[in-house]
Amino acid sequence: MTISKPTNQPASSSAQLPPHANMDLQGSLLAIRRAALRARQVAQQTGTDLIVMRSGEVVRVPPQRPTAAD
């Protein structure tokens, strides 16, 4: 496992399906994004690091601290 990296941003928009992809695939991508958002929320609430893949590496990502806008 690698050391923490300073970003908590979701994956780039390059993880999009082509417009002609079937509806099941489009729906599954939306479900995965919702699950990732919920995982980030739970990590923030519990102070638990997220374990994610970034550029082929397993990375530990600390939760973001709440800001005044949250």
Protein backbone atom coordinates (compact mmCIF):
# COMPACT_ATOMS: atom_id res chain seq x y z
CA MET A 1 0.00 0.00 0.00
CA THR A 2 1.21 3.52 -0.65
CA ILE A 3 1.27 6.62 1.52
CA SER A 4 -1.68 9.03 1.63
CA LYS A 5 -2.07 11.43 -1.24
CA PRO A 6 -3.43 14.94 -0.66
CA THR A 7 -6.55 14.69 -2.79
CA ASN A 8 -10.11 13.67 -2.00
CA GLN A 9 -11.53 14.49 -5.39
CA PRO A 10 -13.56 11.90 -7.29
CA ALA A 11 -12.22 10.38 -10.49
CA SER A 12 -12.13 12.58 -13.56
CA SER A 13 -15.00 12.76 -15.99
CA SER A 14 -13.01 10.53 -18.37
CA ALA A 15 -14.80 7.58 -16.69
CA GLN A 16 -17.92 8.23 -18.76
CA LEU A 17 -19.66 5.80 -21.06
CA PRO A 18 -20.33 6.58 -24.71
CA PRO A 19 -23.85 7.88 -25.44
CA HIS A 20 -24.79 4.65 -27.26
CA ALA A 21 -24.00 2.40 -24.22
CA ASN A 22 -27.00 0.37 -23.12
CA MET A 23 -29.22 1.64 -20.30
CA ASP A 24 -28.03 -1.00 -17.80
CA LEU A 25 -24.43 0.14 -18.17
CA GLN A 26 -25.41 3.80 -17.88
CA GLY A 27 -27.44 3.06 -14.75
CA SER A 28 -24.63 1.05 -13.18
CA LEU A 29 -22.15 3.90 -13.64
CA LEU A 30 -24.56 6.26 -11.86
CA ALA A 31 -24.98 3.73 -9.03
CA ILE A 32 -21.21 3.40 -8.63
CA ARG A 33 -20.87 7.19 -8.42
CA ARG A 34 -23.61 7.37 -5.76
CA ALA A 35 -21.89 4.62 -3.78
CA ALA A 36 -18.55 6.45 -3.97
CA LEU A 37 -20.17 9.67 -2.76
CA ARG A 38 -21.77 7.83 0.16
CA ALA A 39 -18.43 6.17 1.02
CA ARG A 40 -16.76 9.62 1.13
CA GLN A 41 -19.55 10.91 3.39
CA VAL A 42 -19.23 7.97 5.80
CA ALA A 43 -15.42 8.29 5.83
CA GLN A 44 -15.76 11.96 6.74
CA GLN A 45 -18.28 11.23 9.51
CA THR A 46 -16.21 8.43 11.03
CA GLY A 47 -12.70 9.76 10.37
CA THR A 48 -11.86 6.63 8.37
CA ASP A 49 -9.46 6.65 5.43
CA LEU A 50 -10.74 5.56 2.03
CA ILE A 51 -8.79 2.91 0.11
CA VAL A 52 -8.95 3.61 -3.63
CA MET A 53 -7.16 2.78 -6.87
CA ARG A 54 -5.42 5.72 -8.55
CA SER A 55 -3.30 5.19 -11.65
CA GLY A 56 -3.03 1.48 -10.91
CA GLU A 57 -1.92 2.01 -7.28
CA VAL A 58 -3.82 1.27 -4.09
CA VAL A 59 -3.91 4.57 -2.18
CA ARG A 60 -5.08 5.50 1.33
CA VAL A 61 -7.02 8.79 1.20
CA PRO A 62 -7.79 10.62 4.46
CA PRO A 63 -11.30 12.08 4.76
CA GLN A 64 -11.83 15.77 4.06
CA ARG A 65 -12.46 18.02 6.99
CA PRO A 66 -15.86 19.78 6.93
CA THR A 67 -15.75 23.38 5.77
CA ALA A 68 -17.97 26.31 6.72
CA ALA A 69 -19.93 25.78 3.48
CA ASP A 70 -20.78 22.13 4.38
